[in-house]
């Protein structure tokens, strides 16, 4: 087939369609969507039924970085600060100390059982040292399993914040191997600079995003997500320009935006959720196209041994040592160890030594790919069983209630009230965004001069307005009246 614009679009659309349709089996079979997307790419690749020749690690890395940027932003946007605050330092320890210990332990083992030298073995360990909890939550939702205590927010925080450490280790070790004048002691100060700059730029960009979105007052609502897309990419590129870690900056920016008061936040979150899914499908299928299954046959033994060592030894050792200063039970640490799923991120990172021209990069890439497949296939499918065996799964009666349950339950009494705004109200002339209202209450309708207005954060309150306000519970009514009357 001659590659034309139309043929490329046809192949791309068919692959996207096949990946999305195939993912419908994920919830029913318990197979993570990651495996399905990768499988579609492998079937369409040069060694598969499709016969599509694709061997471009530069393009793969480019697509991977863009995809990871938006996936991280979407995850951070939906993460609530109150839920991660109690587990902040546990998550930071897992994302830094845990990742470092996992990479060193696995690297030492691979050096012992393979022909790779120590630095190449450590590089392989660094590439697969970060986790991908997205597959974990898809399985937990599909099986309707809740987790006790703060395990869920801890997993969310770790999965969103451990990629920067793995990325730094991969870049640093690749540079040391390729350029002999580099040494490990030179890159340690660079690590702290990268993390500090990434965190600072991410926080500043997050504050700027909230301020800009609230003040710019665009004529078309559809332009707000477009503006945010530009700001997300600007956050990554500016951070990289100042020698910071772009992935960390994007995640911190998303946390700041998601926990701030911003117009169109709910529609923005839905938009980026869709973008994140698109990025995941594109990235996983592209990675599936890049791999050559026939080249994995000679290294299956080493790959399987490394995968089992990572799952059973390296990850648990990293988790237990990183969480030693914190009060977590043996059962919780064991479950966190088992949830150390490897996703598409390590496969993207494995393209870095390929682009750098490392002679052993092809072997490393295919070992990493096999480790990811083994990890997801073995761990993801057994997560519900692990949660039940460790007695960390919530009973059915304590699982999250649906909206209908909340309306009908005596325990959760939702309230819908009407308030008339008098002339002397402190809310007069203020935008809804500027009102000091509980985050769980919502002004759903405004009756102004017998005309009904569907408000947003930019809507100004006027004297004589009648507000229809939905409250989480009746206890908030006094707070609302004090703020508006």
Protein backbone atom coordinates (compact mmCIF):
# COMPACT_ATOMS: atom_id res chain seq x y z
CA UNK A 1 0.00 0.00 0.00
CA UNK A 2 1.33 3.45 -0.97
CA UNK A 3 1.37 5.72 2.07
CA UNK A 4 -0.74 8.78 1.34
CA UNK A 5 -2.47 11.21 3.69
CA UNK A 6 -5.75 9.40 3.14
CA UNK A 7 -4.22 5.97 3.82
CA UNK A 8 -2.53 7.17 7.02
CA UNK A 9 -5.82 8.64 8.22
CA UNK A 10 -7.65 5.43 7.27
CA UNK A 11 -5.18 3.21 9.15
CA UNK A 12 -5.15 5.53 12.18
CA UNK A 13 -8.94 5.69 12.39
CA UNK A 14 -9.27 1.91 12.03
CA UNK A 15 -6.70 1.32 14.79
CA UNK A 16 -8.42 3.80 17.11
CA UNK A 17 -11.80 2.23 16.36
CA UNK A 18 -10.47 -1.29 16.93
CA UNK A 19 -8.78 -0.29 20.21
CA UNK A 20 -11.87 1.41 21.64
CA UNK A 21 -14.24 -1.39 20.63
CA UNK A 22 -11.85 -4.05 21.94
CA UNK A 23 -11.66 -2.22 25.29
CA UNK A 24 -15.34 -3.09 25.91
CA UNK A 25 -14.14 -6.54 26.91
CA UNK A 26 -11.96 -5.05 29.65
CA UNK A 27 -14.66 -4.73 32.30
CA UNK A 28 -16.22 -8.13 31.55
CA UNK A 29 -13.04 -10.18 31.38
CA UNK A 30 -10.90 -8.26 33.85
CA UNK A 31 -8.21 -7.76 31.18
CA UNK A 32 -6.79 -4.23 31.54
CA UNK A 33 -7.44 -1.90 28.61
CA UNK A 34 -3.66 -1.40 28.39
CA UNK A 35 -3.15 -4.99 27.27
CA UNK A 36 -5.97 -4.71 24.74
CA UNK A 37 -4.58 -1.54 23.16
CA UNK A 38 -1.08 -3.00 23.03
CA UNK A 39 -2.50 -6.19 21.52
CA UNK A 40 -4.25 -4.24 18.76
CA UNK A 41 -0.98 -2.49 17.94
CA UNK A 42 0.99 -5.74 17.91
CA UNK A 43 -1.58 -7.46 15.69
CA UNK A 44 -1.42 -4.57 13.24
CA UNK A 45 2.41 -4.42 13.33
CA UNK A 46 5.04 -5.92 11.07
CA UNK A 47 5.02 -9.29 12.86
CA UNK A 48 1.22 -9.36 13.11
CA UNK A 49 -1.73 -9.75 10.76
CA UNK A 50 -1.71 -6.12 9.62
CA UNK A 51 1.89 -6.06 8.43
CA UNK A 52 2.29 -2.33 9.13
CA UNK A 53 5.99 -1.49 9.13
CA UNK A 54 6.72 0.94 11.96
CA UNK A 55 10.18 1.40 13.47
CA UNK A 56 10.46 5.04 14.54
CA UNK A 57 11.45 5.49 18.22
CA UNK A 58 11.72 9.27 17.75
CA UNK A 59 8.08 9.58 16.70
CA UNK A 60 7.08 7.12 19.43
CA UNK A 61 8.86 9.16 22.09
CA UNK A 62 7.35 12.41 20.76
CA UNK A 63 3.83 10.96 20.92
CA UNK A 64 4.60 9.40 24.29
CA UNK A 65 5.72 12.65 25.92
CA UNK A 66 2.65 14.51 24.64
CA UNK A 67 0.39 11.68 25.79
CA UNK A 68 1.99 11.39 29.23
CA UNK A 69 1.72 15.16 29.69
CA UNK A 70 -2.04 15.17 29.20
CA UNK A 71 -2.58 11.90 31.08
CA UNK A 72 -0.73 13.31 34.10
CA UNK A 73 -2.66 16.57 33.87
CA UNK A 74 -6.00 14.77 33.72
CA UNK A 75 -5.07 12.62 36.72
CA UNK A 76 -3.91 15.59 38.78
CA UNK A 77 -6.99 17.61 37.84
CA UNK A 78 -9.23 14.98 39.41
CA UNK A 79 -7.13 14.53 42.58
CA UNK A 80 -8.47 16.33 45.64
CA UNK A 81 -5.98 17.85 48.04
CA UNK A 82 -7.95 16.90 51.20
CA UNK A 83 -7.75 13.23 50.22
CA UNK A 84 -3.99 13.16 49.53
CA UNK A 85 -2.93 15.50 52.34
CA UNK A 86 -2.92 12.73 55.01
CA UNK A 87 -0.70 10.53 52.80
CA UNK A 88 1.47 13.24 51.24
CA UNK A 89 4.81 12.20 52.71
CA UNK A 90 4.11 8.49 52.24
CA UNK A 91 3.45 9.19 48.56
CA UNK A 92 6.56 11.35 48.20
CA UNK A 93 8.69 8.65 49.81
CA UNK A 94 7.30 5.97 47.48
CA UNK A 95 7.78 8.24 44.47
CA UNK A 96 11.44 8.97 45.22
CA UNK A 97 13.07 6.54 47.66
CA UNK A 98 10.84 3.66 46.55
CA UNK A 99 11.59 4.23 42.86
CA UNK A 100 15.34 4.54 43.49
CA UNK A 101 15.50 1.36 45.62
CA UNK A 102 13.44 -0.59 43.10
CA UNK A 103 15.68 0.45 40.22
CA UNK A 104 18.91 -0.41 42.04
CA UNK A 105 17.64 -3.78 43.31
CA UNK A 106 16.34 -4.88 39.92
CA UNK A 107 19.45 -3.55 38.20
CA UNK A 108 21.73 -5.59 40.44
CA UNK A 109 19.69 -8.74 39.74
CA UNK A 110 19.66 -8.21 35.96
CA UNK A 111 23.44 -7.65 36.06
CA UNK A 112 23.80 -10.99 37.84
CA UNK A 113 21.63 -13.02 35.44
CA UNK A 114 22.32 -11.36 32.07
CA UNK A 115 25.17 -10.20 29.81
CA UNK A 116 24.38 -6.51 30.36
CA UNK A 117 26.96 -4.50 32.30
CA UNK A 118 26.00 -2.88 35.61
CA UNK A 119 25.11 0.57 34.26
CA UNK A 120 22.97 -0.93 31.49
CA UNK A 121 21.27 -3.19 34.04
CA UNK A 122 20.60 -0.24 36.35
CA UNK A 123 19.21 1.68 33.35
CA UNK A 124 16.78 -1.17 32.72
CA UNK A 125 15.77 -1.10 36.38
CA UNK A 126 15.25 2.68 36.24
CA UNK A 127 13.06 2.43 33.14
CA UNK A 128 10.60 0.03 34.81
CA UNK A 129 10.75 1.59 38.28
CA UNK A 130 7.58 3.74 38.01
CA UNK A 131 4.06 2.38 38.43
CA UNK A 132 0.86 2.84 36.45
CA UNK A 133 -2.18 2.85 38.71
CA UNK A 134 -4.64 3.70 35.92
CA UNK A 135 -5.02 -0.02 35.18
CA UNK A 136 -5.48 -0.68 38.90
CA UNK A 137 -8.46 1.63 39.23
CA UNK A 138 -10.11 0.31 36.06
CA UNK A 139 -10.01 -3.19 37.55
CA UNK A 140 -11.24 -2.01 40.98
CA UNK A 141 -14.14 -0.14 39.35
CA UNK A 142 -15.00 -3.07 37.10
CA UNK A 143 -15.12 -5.43 40.09
CA UNK A 144 -16.76 -2.80 42.36
CA UNK A 145 -14.07 -3.14 45.02
CA UNK A 146 -13.36 -0.32 47.45
CA UNK A 147 -10.23 -0.08 49.60
CA UNK A 148 -10.01 0.57 53.32
CA UNK A 149 -8.22 3.51 54.86
CA UNK A 150 -6.13 5.84 52.70
CA UNK A 151 -4.88 3.22 50.26
CA UNK A 152 -6.69 4.65 47.25
CA UNK A 153 -5.43 8.26 47.58
CA UNK A 154 -1.94 6.93 48.33
CA UNK A 155 -2.00 4.92 45.11
CA UNK A 156 -3.28 7.96 43.18
CA UNK A 157 -0.52 10.17 44.55
CA UNK A 158 2.22 7.62 43.91
CA UNK A 159 1.13 6.89 40.34
CA UNK A 160 0.91 10.58 39.48
CA UNK A 161 4.20 11.62 41.04
CA UNK A 162 6.67 8.77 40.51
CA UNK A 163 7.19 9.22 36.75
CA UNK A 164 9.49 12.28 37.19
CA UNK A 165 11.96 10.28 39.31
CA UNK A 166 12.05 7.39 36.84
CA UNK A 167 12.41 9.82 33.92
CA UNK A 168 15.33 11.58 35.61
CA UNK A 169 17.11 8.29 36.36
CA UNK A 170 16.61 7.12 32.77
CA UNK A 171 17.98 10.35 31.28
CA UNK A 172 20.91 10.50 33.72
CA UNK A 173 21.98 6.87 33.31
CA UNK A 174 21.65 7.02 29.52
CA UNK A 175 23.86 10.14 29.46
CA UNK A 176 26.45 8.50 31.70
CA UNK A 177 26.61 5.36 29.53
CA UNK A 178 26.74 7.21 26.20
CA UNK A 179 29.07 10.00 27.36
CA UNK A 180 31.96 8.65 29.50
CA UNK A 181 32.84 12.11 30.87
CA UNK A 182 29.56 12.10 32.84
CA UNK A 183 29.57 10.60 36.32
CA UNK A 184 26.85 9.86 38.84
CA UNK A 185 27.96 12.54 41.30
CA UNK A 186 27.51 15.29 38.74
CA UNK A 187 23.85 14.48 38.15
CA UNK A 188 22.77 14.36 41.81
CA UNK A 189 22.66 18.18 42.24
CA UNK A 190 20.88 18.35 38.86
CA UNK A 191 18.15 16.08 40.25
CA UNK A 192 17.32 18.46 43.09
CA UNK A 193 17.36 21.42 40.70
CA UNK A 194 15.00 19.60 38.34
CA UNK A 195 12.54 18.71 41.09
CA UNK A 196 12.62 22.15 42.73
CA UNK A 197 12.20 24.01 39.43
CA UNK A 198 9.47 21.60 38.31
CA UNK A 199 7.49 22.01 41.52
CA UNK A 200 7.85 25.82 41.54
CA UNK A 201 6.97 26.36 37.88
CA UNK A 202 4.08 23.90 38.15
CA UNK A 203 2.59 25.74 41.14
CA UNK A 204 3.06 29.17 39.55
CA UNK A 205 1.53 28.01 36.25
CA UNK A 206 -1.37 26.43 38.12
CA UNK A 207 -2.12 29.70 39.92
CA UNK A 208 -1.80 31.59 36.64
CA UNK A 209 -4.16 29.15 34.90
CA UNK A 210 -6.86 29.66 37.54
CA UNK A 211 -6.47 33.45 37.46
CA UNK A 212 -6.44 33.65 33.66
CA UNK A 213 -9.42 31.34 33.18
CA UNK A 214 -11.48 33.39 35.67
CA UNK A 215 -10.52 36.81 34.30
CA UNK A 216 -10.25 36.38 30.53
CA UNK A 217 -14.04 36.11 29.91
CA UNK A 218 -13.91 34.53 26.43
CA UNK A 219 -16.87 35.01 24.08
CA UNK A 220 -17.12 31.30 23.27
CA UNK A 221 -17.21 28.67 26.01
CA UNK A 222 -15.62 26.11 23.69
CA UNK A 223 -12.39 28.13 23.67
CA UNK A 224 -11.71 27.56 27.39
CA UNK A 225 -10.50 23.94 26.92
CA UNK A 226 -8.40 25.08 23.94
CA UNK A 227 -6.77 27.73 26.13
CA UNK A 228 -6.09 25.14 28.84
CA UNK A 229 -4.52 22.77 26.29
CA UNK A 230 -2.09 25.52 25.36
CA UNK A 231 -1.32 26.28 29.01
CA UNK A 232 -0.60 22.61 29.77
CA UNK A 233 1.93 22.34 26.95
CA UNK A 234 3.36 25.73 27.93
CA UNK A 235 3.86 24.43 31.48
CA UNK A 236 5.86 21.42 30.25
CA UNK A 237 7.99 23.35 27.75
CA UNK A 238 8.72 26.31 30.05
CA UNK A 239 9.80 23.96 32.82
CA UNK A 240 12.08 22.09 30.44
CA UNK A 241 13.49 25.43 29.25
CA UNK A 242 14.45 26.28 32.85
CA UNK A 243 16.03 22.80 33.35
CA UNK A 244 13.14 21.54 35.47
CA UNK A 245 11.16 18.31 35.35
CA UNK A 246 8.24 18.93 33.02
CA UNK A 247 6.20 15.92 34.15
CA UNK A 248 6.31 17.01 37.78
CA UNK A 249 5.41 20.56 36.78
CA UNK A 250 2.36 19.40 34.82
CA UNK A 251 1.15 17.25 37.73
CA UNK A 252 1.61 20.06 40.29
CA UNK A 253 -0.12 22.48 37.91
CA UNK A 254 -3.06 20.10 37.59
CA UNK A 255 -3.33 19.70 41.38
CA UNK A 256 -3.36 23.49 41.78
CA UNK A 257 -5.99 23.98 39.07
CA UNK A 258 -8.16 21.08 40.22
CA UNK A 259 -8.26 22.34 43.81
CA UNK A 260 -8.85 25.99 42.92
CA UNK A 261 -12.06 27.87 42.18
CA UNK A 262 -12.30 28.15 38.42
CA UNK A 263 -15.05 28.72 35.87
CA UNK A 264 -16.13 25.76 33.73
CA UNK A 265 -14.12 23.39 35.93
CA UNK A 266 -16.52 20.46 35.61
CA UNK A 267 -16.72 20.69 31.82
CA UNK A 268 -12.94 21.10 31.74
CA UNK A 269 -12.45 17.91 33.76
CA UNK A 270 -14.73 15.96 31.41
CA UNK A 271 -12.87 17.34 28.40
CA UNK A 272 -9.45 16.36 29.72
CA UNK A 273 -10.73 12.95 30.76
CA UNK A 274 -11.63 12.37 27.10
CA UNK A 275 -8.25 13.75 25.97
CA UNK A 276 -6.46 11.43 28.40
CA UNK A 277 -8.30 8.40 27.03
CA UNK A 278 -7.45 9.43 23.47
CA UNK A 279 -3.80 9.83 24.44
CA UNK A 280 -3.76 6.42 26.12
CA UNK A 281 -5.23 4.69 23.09
CA UNK A 282 -2.83 6.44 20.68
CA UNK A 283 0.19 5.77 22.88
CA UNK A 284 -0.54 2.11 23.60
CA UNK A 285 -1.32 1.25 19.98
CA UNK A 286 1.81 3.08 18.78
CA UNK A 287 3.94 1.21 21.29
CA UNK A 288 2.39 -2.05 20.15
CA UNK A 289 3.33 -1.22 16.56
CA UNK A 290 6.93 -0.48 17.59
CA UNK A 291 7.61 -3.86 19.21
CA UNK A 292 8.71 -6.90 17.21
CA UNK A 293 7.40 -10.06 18.95
CA UNK A 294 9.85 -12.30 17.08
CA UNK A 295 12.76 -10.42 18.66
CA UNK A 296 11.39 -11.23 22.13
CA UNK A 297 11.75 -15.00 21.72
CA UNK A 298 15.51 -15.20 22.53
CA UNK A 299 15.12 -13.09 25.70
CA UNK A 300 11.94 -14.61 27.15
CA UNK A 301 13.87 -16.45 29.88
CA UNK A 302 15.72 -13.37 31.15
CA UNK A 303 12.61 -11.19 30.76
CA UNK A 304 10.36 -13.54 32.71
CA UNK A 305 12.95 -13.95 35.49
CA UNK A 306 13.40 -10.16 35.73
CA UNK A 307 9.63 -9.60 35.77
CA UNK A 308 9.07 -12.08 38.61
CA UNK A 309 11.98 -10.63 40.59
CA UNK A 310 10.54 -7.13 40.16
CA UNK A 311 7.08 -8.24 41.31
CA UNK A 312 8.14 -10.48 44.19
CA UNK A 313 11.35 -8.87 45.48
CA UNK A 314 12.37 -5.46 44.07
CA UNK A 315 8.99 -3.69 44.35
CA UNK A 316 8.17 -5.07 47.85
CA UNK A 317 11.66 -4.18 49.09
CA UNK A 318 11.31 -0.62 47.79
CA UNK A 319 7.83 -0.23 49.31
CA UNK A 320 8.71 -1.65 52.74
CA UNK A 321 11.91 0.40 53.08
CA UNK A 322 10.34 3.62 51.75
CA UNK A 323 7.41 3.30 54.17
CA UNK A 324 9.47 2.28 57.22
CA UNK A 325 9.08 5.69 58.95
CA UNK A 326 5.28 5.59 58.55
CA UNK A 327 2.60 3.69 60.43
CA UNK A 328 1.19 1.30 57.86
CA UNK A 329 0.23 -2.26 58.62
CA UNK A 330 1.95 -5.29 57.12
CA UNK A 331 -1.20 -6.03 55.11
CA UNK A 332 -1.28 -2.51 53.64
CA UNK A 333 2.40 -2.60 52.66
CA UNK A 334 1.93 -6.03 51.10
CA UNK A 335 -1.00 -4.80 49.02
CA UNK A 336 0.89 -1.68 47.92
CA UNK A 337 3.74 -3.97 46.86
CA UNK A 338 1.41 -6.08 44.74
CA UNK A 339 -0.19 -3.01 43.11
CA UNK A 340 3.14 -2.02 41.53
CA UNK A 341 1.81 -2.29 37.99
CA UNK A 342 4.04 -1.31 35.11
CA UNK A 343 2.25 0.43 32.23
CA UNK A 344 3.11 2.23 29.02
CA UNK A 345 5.38 4.78 30.74
CA UNK A 346 8.38 2.39 30.99
CA UNK A 347 7.98 1.49 27.31
CA UNK A 348 8.11 5.19 26.38
CA UNK A 349 11.17 5.67 28.59
CA UNK A 350 12.79 2.66 26.87
CA UNK A 351 12.89 4.66 23.63
CA UNK A 352 15.34 7.15 25.22
CA UNK A 353 18.41 4.83 25.03
CA UNK A 354 17.28 3.77 21.53
CA UNK A 355 17.38 7.38 20.32
CA UNK A 356 20.72 7.93 22.10
CA UNK A 357 22.19 5.08 20.06
CA UNK A 358 22.95 2.71 22.96
CA UNK A 359 24.05 -0.62 21.40
CA UNK A 360 22.02 -2.69 23.86
CA UNK A 361 18.91 -0.50 23.57
CA UNK A 362 17.02 -3.02 21.42
CA UNK A 363 17.48 -5.77 24.01
CA UNK A 364 16.54 -3.41 26.84
CA UNK A 365 13.40 -2.25 25.00
CA UNK A 366 12.07 -5.76 24.43
CA UNK A 367 12.90 -6.88 28.00
CA UNK A 368 11.02 -3.84 29.29
CA UNK A 369 8.08 -4.62 27.03
CA UNK A 370 7.92 -8.21 28.29
CA UNK A 371 8.17 -7.06 31.93
CA UNK A 372 5.23 -4.70 31.38
CA UNK A 373 3.12 -7.44 29.78
CA UNK A 374 3.90 -9.87 32.59
CA UNK A 375 3.24 -7.30 35.30
CA UNK A 376 -0.13 -6.21 33.95
CA UNK A 377 -1.28 -9.73 33.05
CA UNK A 378 -0.33 -11.22 36.43
CA UNK A 379 -0.96 -8.40 38.91
CA UNK A 380 -3.94 -6.59 37.42
CA UNK A 381 -6.05 -9.73 37.09
CA UNK A 382 -5.39 -10.75 40.71
CA UNK A 383 -5.91 -7.37 42.43
CA UNK A 384 -9.48 -8.08 43.60
CA UNK A 385 -8.34 -11.40 45.07
CA UNK A 386 -5.35 -9.75 46.77
CA UNK A 387 -7.57 -7.05 48.34
CA UNK A 388 -9.95 -9.70 49.71
CA UNK A 389 -7.24 -12.04 50.98
CA UNK A 390 -5.55 -9.16 52.82
CA UNK A 391 -8.91 -7.99 54.18
CA UNK A 392 -8.51 -4.54 52.64
CA UNK A 393 -11.61 -4.59 50.43
CA UNK A 394 -14.55 -2.61 51.78
CA UNK A 395 -17.77 -4.53 52.46
CA UNK A 396 -20.55 -3.90 49.97
CA UNK A 397 -22.52 -1.88 52.52
CA UNK A 398 -19.68 0.64 52.87
CA UNK A 399 -18.93 1.22 49.21
CA UNK A 400 -19.54 4.59 47.62
CA UNK A 401 -23.24 5.31 47.17
CA UNK A 402 -24.73 6.37 43.87
CA UNK A 403 -26.45 9.73 43.46
CA UNK A 404 -29.83 8.02 43.71
CA UNK A 405 -28.77 6.33 46.94
CA UNK A 406 -27.70 9.68 48.34
CA UNK A 407 -31.09 11.23 47.56
CA UNK A 408 -33.06 8.40 49.13
CA UNK A 409 -30.84 7.76 52.13
CA UNK A 410 -31.67 9.21 55.55
CA UNK A 411 -27.95 9.30 56.27
CA UNK A 412 -27.24 11.74 53.43
CA UNK A 413 -29.97 14.38 53.29
CA UNK A 414 -29.51 16.57 50.21
CA UNK A 415 -31.31 19.89 50.34
CA UNK A 416 -32.56 22.29 47.68
CA UNK A 417 -33.27 25.79 48.98
CA UNK A 418 -34.32 29.16 47.54
CA UNK A 419 -32.87 32.45 48.74
CA UNK A 420 -33.91 36.00 47.83
CA UNK A 421 -30.96 38.37 47.63
CA UNK A 422 -31.74 41.71 49.40
CA UNK A 423 -30.25 45.06 48.41
CA UNK A 424 -27.85 45.07 51.34
CA UNK A 425 -26.53 41.55 50.66
CA UNK A 426 -22.70 41.26 50.74
CA UNK A 427 -23.00 39.04 47.64
CA UNK A 428 -24.44 41.81 45.45
CA UNK A 429 -22.08 42.66 42.59
CA UNK A 430 -19.87 39.64 43.20
CA UNK A 431 -19.25 36.77 40.82
CA UNK A 432 -20.30 33.32 42.02
CA UNK A 433 -16.63 32.33 41.89
CA UNK A 434 -15.83 35.05 44.45
CA UNK A 435 -18.46 33.96 46.99
CA UNK A 436 -17.24 32.20 50.11
CA UNK A 437 -19.46 29.14 49.72
CA UNK A 438 -18.74 25.52 50.62
CA UNK A 439 -17.25 23.62 47.69
CA UNK A 440 -20.01 21.01 47.94
CA UNK A 441 -22.89 23.46 47.36
CA UNK A 442 -24.07 24.48 43.89
CA UNK A 443 -26.13 27.43 42.64
CA UNK A 444 -28.16 25.67 39.98
CA UNK A 445 -30.59 28.40 38.88
CA UNK A 446 -31.16 32.15 39.21
CA UNK A 447 -34.57 33.80 38.83
CA UNK A 448 -33.88 37.38 37.74
CA UNK A 449 -36.84 39.59 36.78
CA UNK A 450 -38.94 36.51 35.98
CA UNK A 451 -36.23 35.17 33.70
CA UNK A 452 -34.36 32.00 34.56
CA UNK A 453 -30.56 32.00 34.22
CA UNK A 454 -28.29 28.97 34.31
CA UNK A 455 -25.27 30.42 36.13
CA UNK A 456 -21.56 29.72 35.90
CA UNK A 457 -18.61 30.97 37.92
CA UNK A 458 -18.55 34.32 36.09
CA UNK A 459 -22.23 35.14 36.74
CA UNK A 460 -22.64 38.22 38.95
CA UNK A 461 -25.22 38.24 41.74
CA UNK A 462 -27.69 41.15 41.64
CA UNK A 463 -30.08 42.50 44.25
CA UNK A 464 -33.51 40.94 43.84
CA UNK A 465 -32.19 37.66 42.47
CA UNK A 466 -33.75 34.44 43.69
CA UNK A 467 -31.13 31.71 43.93
CA UNK A 468 -31.89 28.01 43.83
CA UNK A 469 -29.06 26.31 45.72
CA UNK A 470 -28.35 22.60 46.11
CA UNK A 471 -26.63 21.64 49.36
CA UNK A 472 -24.90 18.42 50.33
CA UNK A 473 -26.79 18.42 53.64
CA UNK A 474 -29.09 20.70 55.60
CA UNK A 475 -26.30 21.66 58.02
CA UNK A 476 -24.87 23.93 55.34
CA UNK A 477 -27.98 26.12 55.15
CA UNK A 478 -26.83 28.42 57.96
CA UNK A 479 -23.40 28.89 56.33
CA UNK A 480 -25.04 29.78 53.01
CA UNK A 481 -27.40 32.32 54.56
CA UNK A 482 -24.57 33.99 56.48
CA UNK A 483 -22.59 34.37 53.24
CA UNK A 484 -25.46 35.65 51.07
CA UNK A 485 -27.86 37.56 53.35
